[in-house]
N, C-alpha and C. Protein backbone atom coordinates (compact mmCIF):
# COMPACT_ATOMS: atom_id res chain seq x y z
N MET A 1 0.85 -1.18 0.00
CA MET A 1 0.00 0.00 0.00
C MET A 1 0.89 1.24 0.00
N THR A 2 0.54 2.20 -0.81
CA THR A 2 1.32 3.43 -0.89
C THR A 2 0.90 4.40 0.19
N GLY A 3 1.67 5.43 0.36
CA GLY A 3 1.35 6.45 1.35
C GLY A 3 0.42 7.52 0.82
N CYS A 4 -0.06 7.38 -0.41
CA CYS A 4 -0.94 8.38 -1.01
C CYS A 4 -2.34 8.29 -0.42
N VAL A 5 -2.95 9.43 -0.24
CA VAL A 5 -4.32 9.49 0.22
C VAL A 5 -5.17 10.01 -0.92
N ASP A 6 -6.26 9.32 -1.21
CA ASP A 6 -7.15 9.71 -2.29
C ASP A 6 -8.20 10.67 -1.75
N LEU A 7 -8.15 11.92 -2.17
CA LEU A 7 -9.08 12.93 -1.69
C LEU A 7 -10.19 13.23 -2.68
N GLU A 8 -10.27 12.48 -3.77
CA GLU A 8 -11.28 12.72 -4.78
C GLU A 8 -12.65 12.24 -4.30
N PRO A 9 -13.74 12.97 -4.66
CA PRO A 9 -15.07 12.47 -4.31
C PRO A 9 -15.30 11.10 -4.96
N HIS A 10 -15.86 10.20 -4.24
CA HIS A 10 -16.11 8.83 -4.71
C HIS A 10 -14.82 8.09 -5.04
N GLY A 11 -13.66 8.69 -4.81
CA GLY A 11 -12.42 8.05 -5.19
C GLY A 11 -12.16 8.09 -6.69
N TYR A 12 -12.89 8.93 -7.44
CA TYR A 12 -12.71 9.01 -8.88
C TYR A 12 -11.39 9.69 -9.20
N THR A 13 -10.71 9.18 -10.18
CA THR A 13 -9.50 9.83 -10.68
C THR A 13 -9.66 10.01 -12.18
N GLY A 14 -8.85 10.83 -12.77
CA GLY A 14 -8.93 11.06 -14.21
C GLY A 14 -10.08 11.95 -14.61
N MET A 15 -10.64 12.68 -13.68
CA MET A 15 -11.75 13.57 -13.97
C MET A 15 -11.23 14.99 -14.15
N THR A 16 -11.97 15.79 -14.90
CA THR A 16 -11.61 17.21 -15.03
C THR A 16 -11.95 17.92 -13.73
N ALA A 17 -11.45 19.11 -13.57
CA ALA A 17 -11.75 19.90 -12.38
C ALA A 17 -13.25 20.17 -12.25
N LEU A 18 -13.90 20.46 -13.39
CA LEU A 18 -15.34 20.70 -13.36
C LEU A 18 -16.09 19.44 -12.97
N GLU A 19 -15.69 18.30 -13.51
CA GLU A 19 -16.35 17.04 -13.15
C GLU A 19 -16.19 16.75 -11.65
N ARG A 20 -15.02 16.98 -11.12
CA ARG A 20 -14.80 16.78 -9.68
C ARG A 20 -15.67 17.72 -8.86
N ALA A 21 -15.78 18.97 -9.31
CA ALA A 21 -16.60 19.95 -8.58
C ALA A 21 -18.08 19.55 -8.64
N ILE A 22 -18.54 19.12 -9.80
CA ILE A 22 -19.93 18.69 -9.94
C ILE A 22 -20.22 17.52 -9.00
N MET A 23 -19.35 16.52 -9.01
CA MET A 23 -19.58 15.34 -8.18
C MET A 23 -19.48 15.67 -6.69
N ALA A 24 -18.61 16.59 -6.32
CA ALA A 24 -18.51 17.00 -4.92
C ALA A 24 -19.81 17.66 -4.46
N GLU A 25 -20.37 18.51 -5.31
CA GLU A 25 -21.63 19.17 -4.96
C GLU A 25 -22.78 18.15 -4.94
N TRP A 26 -22.76 17.19 -5.85
CA TRP A 26 -23.77 16.14 -5.86
C TRP A 26 -23.68 15.32 -4.58
N ASP A 27 -22.46 14.97 -4.18
CA ASP A 27 -22.25 14.22 -2.94
C ASP A 27 -22.74 15.01 -1.73
N ALA A 28 -22.68 16.33 -1.82
CA ALA A 28 -23.13 17.20 -0.73
C ALA A 28 -24.65 17.34 -0.70
N GLY A 29 -25.33 16.81 -1.74
CA GLY A 29 -26.78 16.81 -1.73
C GLY A 29 -27.46 17.88 -2.56
N LEU A 30 -26.70 18.63 -3.34
CA LEU A 30 -27.32 19.66 -4.17
C LEU A 30 -28.01 19.03 -5.38
N SER A 31 -29.05 19.70 -5.86
CA SER A 31 -29.78 19.25 -7.05
C SER A 31 -29.01 19.64 -8.30
N TYR A 32 -29.41 19.06 -9.44
CA TYR A 32 -28.80 19.42 -10.72
C TYR A 32 -28.81 20.93 -10.93
N LYS A 33 -29.99 21.51 -10.72
CA LYS A 33 -30.16 22.95 -10.97
C LYS A 33 -29.26 23.79 -10.08
N ARG A 34 -29.21 23.44 -8.80
CA ARG A 34 -28.37 24.22 -7.88
C ARG A 34 -26.89 24.08 -8.20
N ILE A 35 -26.49 22.88 -8.61
CA ILE A 35 -25.08 22.68 -9.00
C ILE A 35 -24.76 23.54 -10.22
N ALA A 36 -25.64 23.52 -11.20
CA ALA A 36 -25.42 24.32 -12.43
C ALA A 36 -25.31 25.80 -12.09
N LEU A 37 -26.18 26.28 -11.23
CA LEU A 37 -26.13 27.69 -10.84
C LEU A 37 -24.85 28.01 -10.07
N LYS A 38 -24.52 27.15 -9.13
CA LYS A 38 -23.34 27.40 -8.29
C LYS A 38 -22.05 27.38 -9.11
N LEU A 39 -21.95 26.43 -10.05
CA LEU A 39 -20.73 26.29 -10.83
C LEU A 39 -20.78 27.03 -12.17
N ASN A 40 -21.91 27.70 -12.43
CA ASN A 40 -22.08 28.49 -13.65
C ASN A 40 -21.81 27.65 -14.90
N CYS A 41 -22.50 26.52 -14.98
CA CYS A 41 -22.36 25.67 -16.17
C CYS A 41 -23.76 25.19 -16.59
N PRO A 42 -23.91 24.73 -17.80
CA PRO A 42 -25.22 24.30 -18.29
C PRO A 42 -25.77 23.12 -17.48
N PRO A 43 -27.06 23.15 -17.15
CA PRO A 43 -27.66 22.04 -16.41
C PRO A 43 -27.47 20.69 -17.11
N ARG A 44 -27.50 20.69 -18.44
CA ARG A 44 -27.31 19.43 -19.17
C ARG A 44 -25.93 18.84 -18.90
N ARG A 45 -24.92 19.70 -18.77
CA ARG A 45 -23.56 19.23 -18.46
C ARG A 45 -23.53 18.57 -17.08
N VAL A 46 -24.25 19.17 -16.14
CA VAL A 46 -24.33 18.61 -14.79
C VAL A 46 -25.00 17.24 -14.85
N GLU A 47 -26.14 17.16 -15.52
CA GLU A 47 -26.87 15.89 -15.63
C GLU A 47 -26.01 14.81 -16.28
N THR A 48 -25.32 15.16 -17.36
CA THR A 48 -24.49 14.20 -18.07
C THR A 48 -23.35 13.70 -17.19
N THR A 49 -22.69 14.61 -16.50
CA THR A 49 -21.58 14.23 -15.64
C THR A 49 -22.04 13.30 -14.53
N ILE A 50 -23.13 13.66 -13.88
CA ILE A 50 -23.64 12.83 -12.79
C ILE A 50 -24.07 11.47 -13.32
N SER A 51 -24.72 11.46 -14.45
CA SER A 51 -25.15 10.20 -15.05
C SER A 51 -23.96 9.31 -15.39
N ASN A 52 -22.89 9.91 -15.87
CA ASN A 52 -21.69 9.15 -16.24
C ASN A 52 -20.97 8.57 -15.04
N TYR A 53 -20.94 9.28 -13.94
CA TYR A 53 -20.12 8.87 -12.81
C TYR A 53 -20.90 8.30 -11.63
N ASP A 54 -22.19 8.47 -11.60
CA ASP A 54 -22.97 7.97 -10.47
C ASP A 54 -24.16 7.19 -11.02
N GLY A 55 -24.04 5.89 -11.06
CA GLY A 55 -25.09 5.05 -11.60
C GLY A 55 -26.38 5.13 -10.83
N LYS A 56 -26.33 5.64 -9.61
CA LYS A 56 -27.52 5.74 -8.77
C LYS A 56 -28.14 7.13 -8.85
N ALA A 57 -27.67 7.97 -9.76
CA ALA A 57 -28.11 9.35 -9.81
C ALA A 57 -29.62 9.49 -10.01
N ASP A 58 -30.18 8.73 -10.94
CA ASP A 58 -31.61 8.86 -11.21
C ASP A 58 -32.42 8.46 -9.99
N HIS A 59 -32.02 7.40 -9.33
CA HIS A 59 -32.73 6.95 -8.13
C HIS A 59 -32.59 7.98 -7.01
N ALA A 60 -31.39 8.49 -6.80
CA ALA A 60 -31.16 9.49 -5.76
C ALA A 60 -31.97 10.75 -6.03
N PHE A 61 -32.03 11.17 -7.30
CA PHE A 61 -32.80 12.36 -7.65
C PHE A 61 -34.28 12.14 -7.37
N ALA A 62 -34.79 10.95 -7.71
CA ALA A 62 -36.20 10.65 -7.47
C ALA A 62 -36.50 10.63 -5.98
N CYS A 63 -35.60 10.08 -5.19
CA CYS A 63 -35.80 10.06 -3.74
C CYS A 63 -35.80 11.47 -3.16
N ARG A 64 -34.89 12.30 -3.62
CA ARG A 64 -34.86 13.69 -3.15
C ARG A 64 -36.14 14.42 -3.54
N ALA A 65 -36.60 14.21 -4.76
CA ALA A 65 -37.82 14.87 -5.23
C ALA A 65 -39.03 14.41 -4.42
N ALA A 66 -39.10 13.12 -4.11
CA ALA A 66 -40.21 12.60 -3.31
C ALA A 66 -40.18 13.17 -1.90
N LYS A 67 -38.99 13.25 -1.32
CA LYS A 67 -38.86 13.80 0.04
C LYS A 67 -39.28 15.27 0.05
N GLN A 68 -38.82 16.02 -0.94
CA GLN A 68 -39.17 17.43 -1.02
C GLN A 68 -40.67 17.61 -1.22
N GLY A 69 -41.27 16.77 -2.05
CA GLY A 69 -42.71 16.83 -2.27
C GLY A 69 -43.49 16.53 -1.00
N SER A 70 -43.03 15.55 -0.25
CA SER A 70 -43.68 15.20 1.02
C SER A 70 -43.58 16.35 2.01
N GLU A 71 -42.42 16.97 2.07
CA GLU A 71 -42.24 18.11 2.98
C GLU A 71 -43.15 19.26 2.60
N GLN A 72 -43.30 19.51 1.30
CA GLN A 72 -44.17 20.59 0.84
C GLN A 72 -45.63 20.28 1.14
N LEU A 73 -46.02 19.03 0.98
CA LEU A 73 -47.39 18.62 1.29
C LEU A 73 -47.67 18.78 2.77
N LEU A 74 -46.75 18.34 3.60
CA LEU A 74 -46.92 18.48 5.05
C LEU A 74 -47.03 19.94 5.45
N ALA A 75 -46.22 20.79 4.86
CA ALA A 75 -46.27 22.22 5.16
C ALA A 75 -47.62 22.82 4.75
N ALA A 76 -48.14 22.41 3.59
CA ALA A 76 -49.44 22.91 3.14
C ALA A 76 -50.56 22.44 4.06
N ILE A 77 -50.51 21.19 4.49
CA ILE A 77 -51.53 20.68 5.42
C ILE A 77 -51.45 21.44 6.74
N ALA A 78 -50.24 21.67 7.23
CA ALA A 78 -50.08 22.40 8.49
C ALA A 78 -50.61 23.83 8.37
N LEU A 79 -50.44 24.44 7.22
CA LEU A 79 -50.90 25.81 7.01
C LEU A 79 -52.42 25.89 6.92
N HIS A 80 -53.01 24.99 6.15
CA HIS A 80 -54.45 25.07 5.88
C HIS A 80 -55.31 24.24 6.82
N HIS A 81 -54.73 23.22 7.41
CA HIS A 81 -55.47 22.35 8.34
C HIS A 81 -54.59 21.99 9.54
N PRO A 82 -54.23 22.97 10.35
CA PRO A 82 -53.33 22.70 11.48
C PRO A 82 -53.88 21.66 12.45
N GLU A 83 -55.19 21.52 12.48
CA GLU A 83 -55.80 20.54 13.40
C GLU A 83 -55.47 19.10 13.00
N ARG A 84 -55.04 18.90 11.78
CA ARG A 84 -54.70 17.55 11.31
C ARG A 84 -53.26 17.14 11.59
N ILE A 85 -52.48 18.07 12.08
CA ILE A 85 -51.09 17.78 12.40
C ILE A 85 -50.97 17.45 13.87
N ALA A 86 -50.44 16.26 14.16
CA ALA A 86 -50.29 15.83 15.55
C ALA A 86 -49.21 16.66 16.22
N ALA A 87 -49.46 17.02 17.45
CA ALA A 87 -48.49 17.84 18.19
C ALA A 87 -47.35 17.02 18.71
């Protein structure tokens, strides 16, 4: 074993600086859109990079979207029908 420490996200090597930055933000939980805005690059580039390097990207995105939708629904119920929310 060498004394080198791999600091790349996911342990990926051979990636461009932009690809590493995209994957680091993805690992941190940002959405495609937020990554594109933060890194000032086209959303399609973000989607392609994540798709290429993270085989679970579509599933993770769907899970995040479902969680966000559930949170929004709960907030709407709490706003319009607070009596239905258990204390």
